[in-house]
N, C-alpha and C. Protein backbone atom coordinates (compact mmCIF):
# COMPACT_ATOMS: atom_id res chain seq x y z
N MET A 1 271.53 -61.29 121.35
CA MET A 1 272.45 -61.13 122.43
C MET A 1 272.45 -59.77 122.49
N SER A 2 272.53 -58.90 123.62
CA SER A 2 272.67 -57.38 123.97
C SER A 2 274.03 -57.07 124.16
N ILE A 3 274.23 -55.91 123.69
CA ILE A 3 275.50 -55.52 123.99
C ILE A 3 276.10 -55.33 125.13
N THR A 4 275.57 -55.13 126.03
CA THR A 4 275.95 -55.10 127.73
C THR A 4 276.55 -56.59 127.48
N PHE A 5 275.90 -57.49 127.49
CA PHE A 5 276.09 -58.76 127.49
C PHE A 5 277.68 -59.27 126.87
N LYS A 6 277.46 -58.77 125.65
CA LYS A 6 278.53 -59.32 125.04
C LYS A 6 279.88 -58.46 125.16
N THR A 7 279.81 -57.32 126.02
CA THR A 7 280.74 -56.75 126.38
C THR A 7 281.57 -57.10 127.48
N ILE A 8 280.40 -57.50 128.65
CA ILE A 8 280.80 -58.28 129.80
C ILE A 8 281.68 -59.34 128.98
N LYS A 9 281.23 -60.25 128.39
CA LYS A 9 281.72 -61.60 128.09
C LYS A 9 282.95 -61.44 127.52
N LEU A 10 283.24 -60.17 126.87
CA LEU A 10 284.59 -60.28 126.04
C LEU A 10 285.45 -59.86 126.99
N PHE A 11 285.35 -58.90 127.42
CA PHE A 11 286.72 -58.71 128.81
C PHE A 11 286.58 -59.60 130.07
N THR A 12 285.70 -59.82 130.25
CA THR A 12 285.62 -61.21 131.10
C THR A 12 286.94 -62.20 130.42
N ILE A 13 286.38 -62.84 129.19
CA ILE A 13 287.38 -63.55 128.76
C ILE A 13 288.81 -63.42 128.48
N ALA A 14 288.86 -61.64 128.07
CA ALA A 14 290.04 -61.23 128.38
C ALA A 14 290.84 -61.17 129.30
N PHE A 15 290.29 -61.07 130.65
CA PHE A 15 290.86 -61.02 131.70
C PHE A 15 291.40 -62.50 132.13
N PHE A 16 290.50 -63.42 131.60
CA PHE A 16 290.70 -64.86 132.13
C PHE A 16 292.02 -65.49 131.17
N SER A 17 291.84 -65.02 129.83
CA SER A 17 293.09 -65.42 129.24
C SER A 17 294.36 -64.44 129.65
N TYR A 18 294.21 -63.44 130.17
CA TYR A 18 295.32 -62.74 130.64
C TYR A 18 295.87 -63.37 132.11
N LEU A 19 295.15 -64.07 133.07
CA LEU A 19 295.43 -64.85 133.75
C LEU A 19 296.10 -66.10 133.59
N ILE A 20 295.75 -66.89 132.72
CA ILE A 20 296.07 -68.04 132.03
C ILE A 20 297.52 -68.04 131.50
N ILE A 21 297.57 -66.97 130.55
CA ILE A 21 298.70 -66.98 129.77
C ILE A 21 299.93 -66.66 131.00
N THR A 22 299.28 -65.50 131.61
CA THR A 22 300.64 -65.27 132.62
C THR A 22 301.01 -66.39 133.78
N ILE A 23 300.14 -67.49 134.04
CA ILE A 23 300.36 -68.23 135.01
C ILE A 23 301.51 -69.12 134.08
N ILE A 24 301.07 -69.53 133.01
CA ILE A 24 301.82 -70.29 132.14
C ILE A 24 303.46 -69.80 132.07
N LEU A 25 303.48 -68.62 131.85
CA LEU A 25 304.59 -67.88 131.32
C LEU A 25 305.23 -67.90 132.85
N ALA A 26 304.85 -67.43 133.90
CA ALA A 26 305.80 -67.47 135.04
C ALA A 26 305.93 -68.73 135.34
N ALA A 27 305.06 -69.93 135.00
CA ALA A 27 305.68 -70.84 135.80
C ALA A 27 307.01 -71.34 134.56
N ILE A 28 307.04 -70.92 133.59
CA ILE A 28 308.14 -71.44 132.69
C ILE A 28 309.16 -70.59 133.46
N ILE A 29 309.29 -69.37 133.63
CA ILE A 29 310.19 -68.73 134.30
C ILE A 29 310.97 -69.00 135.35
N MET A 30 309.80 -69.44 136.14
CA MET A 30 310.31 -70.13 137.39
C MET A 30 310.99 -71.63 137.48
N SER A 31 310.84 -72.27 136.52
CA SER A 31 311.39 -73.47 136.11
C SER A 31 313.01 -73.15 135.78
N ILE A 32 312.51 -71.76 134.65
CA ILE A 32 314.34 -71.85 134.55
C ILE A 32 315.09 -71.20 135.33
N TRP A 33 314.41 -70.89 136.32
CA TRP A 33 315.08 -69.87 137.83
C TRP A 33 315.46 -71.10 138.45
N LEU A 34 314.97 -71.99 138.88
CA LEU A 34 314.79 -73.38 139.79
C LEU A 34 316.04 -74.14 139.47
N SER A 35 316.10 -74.34 137.52
CA SER A 35 317.12 -74.91 136.97
C SER A 35 318.57 -74.28 137.60
N GLY A 36 318.76 -73.02 137.63
CA GLY A 36 320.02 -72.31 138.05
C GLY A 36 320.23 -72.44 139.42
N GLN A 37 319.33 -72.71 140.01
CA GLN A 37 319.78 -72.48 141.70
C GLN A 37 320.10 -73.84 142.33
N ASN A 38 320.98 -74.09 143.57
CA ASN A 38 320.85 -75.32 143.99
C ASN A 38 320.03 -75.56 145.18
N ILE A 39 318.84 -76.43 144.88
CA ILE A 39 317.70 -76.05 145.74
C ILE A 39 317.75 -77.48 146.33
N GLN A 40 318.79 -78.75 146.22
CA GLN A 40 319.30 -79.59 147.43
C GLN A 40 319.39 -78.93 148.85
N GLU A 41 319.91 -77.83 149.07
CA GLU A 41 320.45 -77.58 150.17
C GLU A 41 318.85 -76.53 150.91
N LEU A 42 318.30 -76.13 150.17
CA LEU A 42 317.31 -75.04 150.77
C LEU A 42 316.02 -76.19 150.90
N ASP A 43 315.28 -75.52 152.02
CA ASP A 43 313.70 -75.79 152.24
C ASP A 43 312.87 -75.15 151.65
N GLN A 44 311.78 -75.87 151.48
CA GLN A 44 310.87 -75.16 151.16
C GLN A 44 310.63 -73.64 151.18
N GLY A 45 310.40 -73.36 152.64
CA GLY A 45 310.37 -71.75 152.80
C GLY A 45 311.19 -70.67 152.75
N GLN A 46 312.89 -71.03 152.57
CA GLN A 46 314.24 -70.36 152.10
C GLN A 46 313.81 -70.41 150.77
N LEU A 47 313.51 -71.24 149.99
CA LEU A 47 313.46 -70.85 148.74
C LEU A 47 312.22 -70.03 147.93
N GLN A 48 311.17 -70.20 148.96
CA GLN A 48 310.24 -69.13 148.47
C GLN A 48 311.01 -67.83 148.45
N THR A 49 311.55 -67.79 150.17
CA THR A 49 312.32 -66.63 150.03
C THR A 49 313.16 -65.82 149.40
N LEU A 50 313.91 -66.74 148.58
CA LEU A 50 315.05 -66.15 147.51
C LEU A 50 314.13 -66.35 146.52
N ALA A 51 313.36 -66.52 145.82
CA ALA A 51 312.36 -66.34 144.74
C ALA A 51 311.76 -64.95 144.76
N GLU A 52 311.33 -64.70 145.87
CA GLU A 52 310.49 -63.24 146.43
C GLU A 52 311.51 -62.18 146.26
N SER A 53 312.66 -62.31 146.61
CA SER A 53 313.73 -61.38 146.90
C SER A 53 314.51 -61.41 145.06
N SER A 54 314.35 -62.14 144.32
CA SER A 54 315.00 -62.32 143.00
C SER A 54 314.44 -61.19 142.27
N LEU A 55 315.31 -60.44 142.01
CA LEU A 55 315.41 -59.19 141.03
C LEU A 55 315.03 -59.83 139.66
N MET A 56 315.73 -60.83 138.90
CA MET A 56 315.58 -61.49 137.89
C MET A 56 313.80 -61.95 137.66
N ILE A 57 313.40 -62.73 138.85
CA ILE A 57 312.01 -62.85 138.74
C ILE A 57 310.93 -62.07 138.76
N GLN A 58 311.23 -60.99 139.61
CA GLN A 58 310.62 -59.80 139.49
C GLN A 58 310.14 -59.03 137.88
N LEU A 59 311.39 -58.52 137.48
CA LEU A 59 311.50 -58.09 135.99
C LEU A 59 311.05 -58.99 135.05
N TYR A 60 311.08 -60.24 135.22
CA TYR A 60 310.46 -60.98 134.20
C TYR A 60 308.85 -61.37 134.17
N SER A 61 308.42 -61.22 135.39
CA SER A 61 307.10 -61.66 136.06
C SER A 61 306.32 -60.27 135.59
N ALA A 62 307.29 -58.49 135.79
CA ALA A 62 306.47 -57.41 135.08
C ALA A 62 306.58 -57.48 133.79
N ALA A 63 307.53 -58.11 132.93
CA ALA A 63 307.44 -57.80 131.46
C ALA A 63 306.54 -58.80 130.58
N ILE A 64 306.18 -60.34 131.27
CA ILE A 64 305.36 -60.93 131.12
C ILE A 64 303.85 -60.28 131.28
N GLY A 65 303.56 -59.92 132.32
CA GLY A 65 302.11 -59.08 132.61
C GLY A 65 301.87 -57.67 131.43
N VAL A 66 303.15 -57.25 131.31
CA VAL A 66 302.84 -55.63 130.45
C VAL A 66 302.63 -56.33 129.05
N ILE A 67 303.86 -57.29 128.74
CA ILE A 67 303.49 -57.80 126.78
C ILE A 67 302.06 -58.30 126.92
N THR A 68 301.63 -59.22 128.14
CA THR A 68 300.41 -60.07 127.78
C THR A 68 299.17 -58.80 127.78
N ALA A 69 298.93 -58.00 128.69
CA ALA A 69 298.34 -57.36 128.78
C ALA A 69 298.13 -56.24 127.17
N LEU A 70 299.16 -55.70 127.06
CA LEU A 70 299.21 -55.27 125.74
C LEU A 70 298.59 -56.00 124.75
N PHE A 71 299.10 -57.34 124.23
CA PHE A 71 298.69 -57.88 123.61
C PHE A 71 297.04 -58.11 123.42
N ILE A 72 296.61 -58.67 124.84
CA ILE A 72 295.06 -59.03 124.78
C ILE A 72 294.42 -57.92 124.74
N SER A 73 295.13 -56.37 125.53
CA SER A 73 294.15 -55.22 124.76
C SER A 73 294.39 -55.02 123.42
N MET A 74 295.28 -55.27 122.62
CA MET A 74 295.37 -54.89 121.16
C MET A 74 294.00 -56.23 120.62
N VAL A 75 294.43 -57.28 121.04
CA VAL A 75 293.40 -57.99 120.11
C VAL A 75 291.80 -57.95 120.76
N LEU A 76 291.70 -57.27 122.03
CA LEU A 76 290.20 -56.70 122.10
C LEU A 76 289.65 -55.46 121.58
N ALA A 77 290.81 -54.72 121.53
CA ALA A 77 290.25 -53.42 121.06
C ALA A 77 289.96 -53.58 119.13
N HIS A 78 290.93 -54.71 118.58
CA HIS A 78 290.65 -55.15 117.38
C HIS A 78 288.91 -55.65 117.15
N LYS A 79 288.67 -56.56 118.18
CA LYS A 79 287.42 -57.17 118.32
C LYS A 79 286.70 -56.26 118.31
N THR A 80 286.62 -55.52 119.34
CA THR A 80 285.39 -54.15 119.41
C THR A 80 285.79 -52.89 118.92
N ARG A 81 286.42 -53.00 117.60
CA ARG A 81 286.88 -51.32 117.08
C ARG A 81 285.77 -51.05 116.41
N HIS A 82 284.76 -51.56 116.41
CA HIS A 82 283.43 -50.62 115.57
C HIS A 82 282.70 -50.64 116.69
N GLU A 83 282.34 -50.58 117.91
CA GLU A 83 281.64 -50.57 118.92
C GLU A 83 282.17 -49.64 119.94
N ASN A 84 281.80 -49.61 120.99
CA ASN A 84 282.13 -48.54 122.06
C ASN A 84 283.39 -49.43 122.82
N ASN A 85 284.09 -48.22 123.61
CA ASN A 85 285.10 -48.41 124.24
C ASN A 85 285.04 -49.37 125.55
N SER A 86 283.36 -49.67 126.02
CA SER A 86 283.41 -50.62 127.30
C SER A 86 283.93 -51.98 127.43
N ALA A 87 284.63 -52.64 126.58
CA ALA A 87 285.42 -53.71 126.67
C ALA A 87 286.59 -53.46 127.39
N ILE A 88 287.04 -52.76 126.33
CA ILE A 88 288.46 -52.44 127.04
C ILE A 88 288.71 -51.48 128.36
N ILE A 89 287.43 -50.66 128.55
CA ILE A 89 287.48 -50.12 129.93
C ILE A 89 287.45 -50.92 131.28
N GLY A 90 286.42 -51.96 130.53
CA GLY A 90 286.40 -53.26 131.97
C GLY A 90 287.25 -54.22 131.99
N PHE A 91 288.01 -54.24 130.66
CA PHE A 91 289.34 -55.23 130.85
C PHE A 91 290.53 -54.47 131.54
N THR A 92 290.57 -53.02 131.61
CA THR A 92 291.20 -52.23 132.22
C THR A 92 291.07 -51.99 133.85
N VAL A 93 289.70 -52.05 134.02
CA VAL A 93 289.36 -52.02 135.36
C VAL A 93 289.53 -53.31 136.26
N LEU A 94 289.56 -54.40 135.71
CA LEU A 94 289.62 -56.01 136.21
C LEU A 94 291.38 -55.99 136.56
N LEU A 95 291.62 -55.80 135.55
CA LEU A 95 293.64 -55.42 135.64
C LEU A 95 294.08 -54.47 136.49
N THR A 96 293.15 -53.52 136.76
CA THR A 96 293.64 -52.71 138.06
C THR A 96 293.31 -53.16 139.03
N ALA A 97 292.19 -53.93 139.41
CA ALA A 97 291.79 -54.58 140.68
C ALA A 97 292.88 -55.75 141.02
N PHE A 98 292.98 -56.34 139.79
CA PHE A 98 294.19 -57.50 140.10
C PHE A 98 295.63 -56.82 140.64
N SER A 99 295.98 -55.74 139.92
CA SER A 99 297.38 -55.07 140.34
C SER A 99 297.25 -54.52 141.54
N VAL A 100 296.20 -54.00 142.12
CA VAL A 100 295.93 -53.43 143.66
C VAL A 100 296.06 -54.79 144.69
N LEU A 101 295.36 -56.06 143.86
CA LEU A 101 295.57 -57.44 144.88
C LEU A 101 296.67 -57.44 144.82
N SER A 102 297.54 -57.36 143.71
CA SER A 102 299.14 -57.98 144.06
C SER A 102 299.92 -57.12 144.72
N ILE A 103 299.72 -55.75 145.03
CA ILE A 103 300.65 -54.68 145.87
C ILE A 103 299.70 -55.48 147.58
N TRP A 104 299.02 -55.80 147.60
CA TRP A 104 298.53 -56.91 148.87
C TRP A 104 299.04 -58.06 148.97
N LEU A 105 299.27 -58.81 148.38
CA LEU A 105 300.14 -60.16 147.94
C LEU A 105 301.37 -60.24 147.96
N HIS A 106 302.29 -59.22 147.59
CA HIS A 106 303.34 -58.91 147.39
C HIS A 106 303.95 -57.81 147.81
N PRO A 107 303.85 -57.84 149.82
CA PRO A 107 304.62 -56.36 149.97
C PRO A 107 306.28 -56.36 149.93
N GLU A 108 306.94 -57.47 149.50
CA GLU A 108 308.22 -57.19 149.61
C GLU A 108 308.80 -56.57 148.48
N HIS A 109 308.02 -56.27 147.35
CA HIS A 109 308.48 -55.72 146.25
C HIS A 109 308.55 -54.26 146.98
N SER A 110 309.60 -53.73 146.06
CA SER A 110 310.07 -52.31 146.06
C SER A 110 308.82 -50.82 146.21
N MET A 111 309.04 -50.19 146.59
CA MET A 111 307.83 -49.10 146.85
C MET A 111 307.66 -48.60 145.19
N PHE A 112 308.70 -48.19 144.49
CA PHE A 112 308.58 -47.62 143.17
C PHE A 112 307.44 -48.92 141.94
N TYR A 113 308.19 -49.80 142.54
CA TYR A 113 307.15 -51.03 141.90
C TYR A 113 305.65 -51.35 142.46
N GLN A 114 305.52 -51.06 143.76
CA GLN A 114 304.09 -51.17 143.92
C GLN A 114 303.45 -49.85 143.65
N LEU A 115 304.00 -48.67 143.18
CA LEU A 115 303.41 -47.57 143.01
C LEU A 115 302.75 -47.49 141.56
N VAL A 116 304.05 -48.29 140.83
CA VAL A 116 303.52 -48.49 139.06
C VAL A 116 302.68 -49.26 139.20
N LYS A 117 302.71 -50.33 139.98
CA LYS A 117 301.23 -51.28 139.71
C LYS A 117 299.81 -51.26 139.21
N PRO A 118 299.41 -50.33 140.28
CA PRO A 118 298.09 -49.68 139.51
C PRO A 118 297.56 -48.61 138.92
N ILE A 119 298.70 -48.26 138.29
CA ILE A 119 298.94 -47.21 136.97
C ILE A 119 298.98 -47.98 135.66
N SER A 120 299.72 -48.59 135.60
CA SER A 120 300.33 -49.52 134.47
C SER A 120 299.08 -49.89 133.80
N PRO A 121 298.31 -50.71 134.17
CA PRO A 121 297.11 -51.33 133.56
C PRO A 121 296.29 -50.46 132.50
N ALA A 122 296.33 -49.23 132.97
CA ALA A 122 295.21 -48.19 132.50
C ALA A 122 296.27 -47.96 131.16
N VAL A 123 297.80 -47.75 131.49
CA VAL A 123 298.57 -46.86 130.56
C VAL A 123 299.11 -48.15 129.17
N VAL A 124 299.02 -49.24 129.65
CA VAL A 124 299.19 -50.33 129.15
C VAL A 124 297.84 -50.66 128.01
N CYS A 125 296.75 -51.28 128.66
CA CYS A 125 295.62 -51.05 127.85
C CYS A 125 295.32 -49.88 126.95
N PHE A 126 295.38 -48.72 127.13
CA PHE A 126 295.01 -47.85 126.28
C PHE A 126 296.05 -47.51 125.22
N PHE A 127 297.44 -47.83 125.42
CA PHE A 127 298.54 -47.91 124.33
C PHE A 127 298.00 -49.10 123.71
N GLY A 128 297.19 -50.26 123.63
CA GLY A 128 297.45 -51.17 122.89
C GLY A 128 296.07 -50.68 122.19
N TYR A 129 294.98 -50.11 122.98
CA TYR A 129 293.78 -49.61 122.13
C TYR A 129 294.18 -48.36 121.06
N TRP A 130 295.34 -47.75 121.36
CA TRP A 130 295.74 -46.65 120.17
C TRP A 130 296.56 -47.29 119.19
N LEU A 131 296.99 -48.22 119.73
CA LEU A 131 297.60 -48.60 118.25
C LEU A 131 296.65 -49.30 117.33
N ILE A 132 295.81 -49.97 117.90
CA ILE A 132 294.74 -50.66 116.77
C ILE A 132 294.01 -49.55 116.01
N ASN A 133 293.94 -48.46 117.30
CA ASN A 133 292.85 -47.52 116.27
C ASN A 133 293.75 -47.05 115.14
N LYS A 134 295.13 -46.88 115.36
CA LYS A 134 295.75 -46.00 114.67
C LYS A 134 296.17 -46.81 113.17
N LYS A 135 296.49 -48.38 113.99
CA LYS A 135 296.54 -49.02 112.57
C LYS A 135 295.24 -48.85 111.71
N SER A 136 294.06 -49.03 112.33
CA SER A 136 292.64 -49.03 111.07
C SER A 136 292.42 -47.87 110.44
N LYS A 137 292.88 -46.55 110.85
CA LYS A 137 292.99 -45.43 110.55
C LYS A 137 293.68 -45.58 109.57
N ASN A 138 294.87 -45.95 109.57
CA ASN A 138 296.22 -45.60 108.18
C ASN A 138 295.59 -46.89 107.25
N THR A 139 294.81 -47.61 107.55
CA THR A 139 294.61 -48.95 106.46
C THR A 139 293.06 -48.21 105.99
N GLN A 140 292.52 -47.31 106.64
CA GLN A 140 291.00 -46.86 105.91
C GLN A 140 291.37 -45.57 104.84
N VAL A 141 293.01 -44.94 105.26
CA VAL A 141 293.04 -43.95 104.51
C VAL A 141 293.60 -44.10 103.44
N SER A 142 294.59 -45.16 103.30
CA SER A 142 295.30 -46.06 101.98
C SER A 142 294.26 -46.31 100.93
């Protein structure tokens, strides 16, 4: 198997793992949020508007995305620590593209939140990469 194919396979699996994990966790957060709402008096459109404007859902969604991206980038960096950085860069590019799509899909978010979305994937992924490299250097020295 060529290095290029292996790299593409790894960051694609990492990206789809990110999507699956965040969707599952977001569904759990939504179900918890819905259990605290009086949904009998609201129609589907009103409920969607209420959910889109909920600060709690926005904050938890952001936290889920950051923590999941950090975890997956650390796993990806650990798997590819003896190779080049192409897999973590590919994962970061896919997450950044997904963040840009999120800006277009969620125009109701605040301007600050919209500005942070395309920057955060690079910061989070390379922080995870840095943590793994720091850990592996510490274990090699000891």
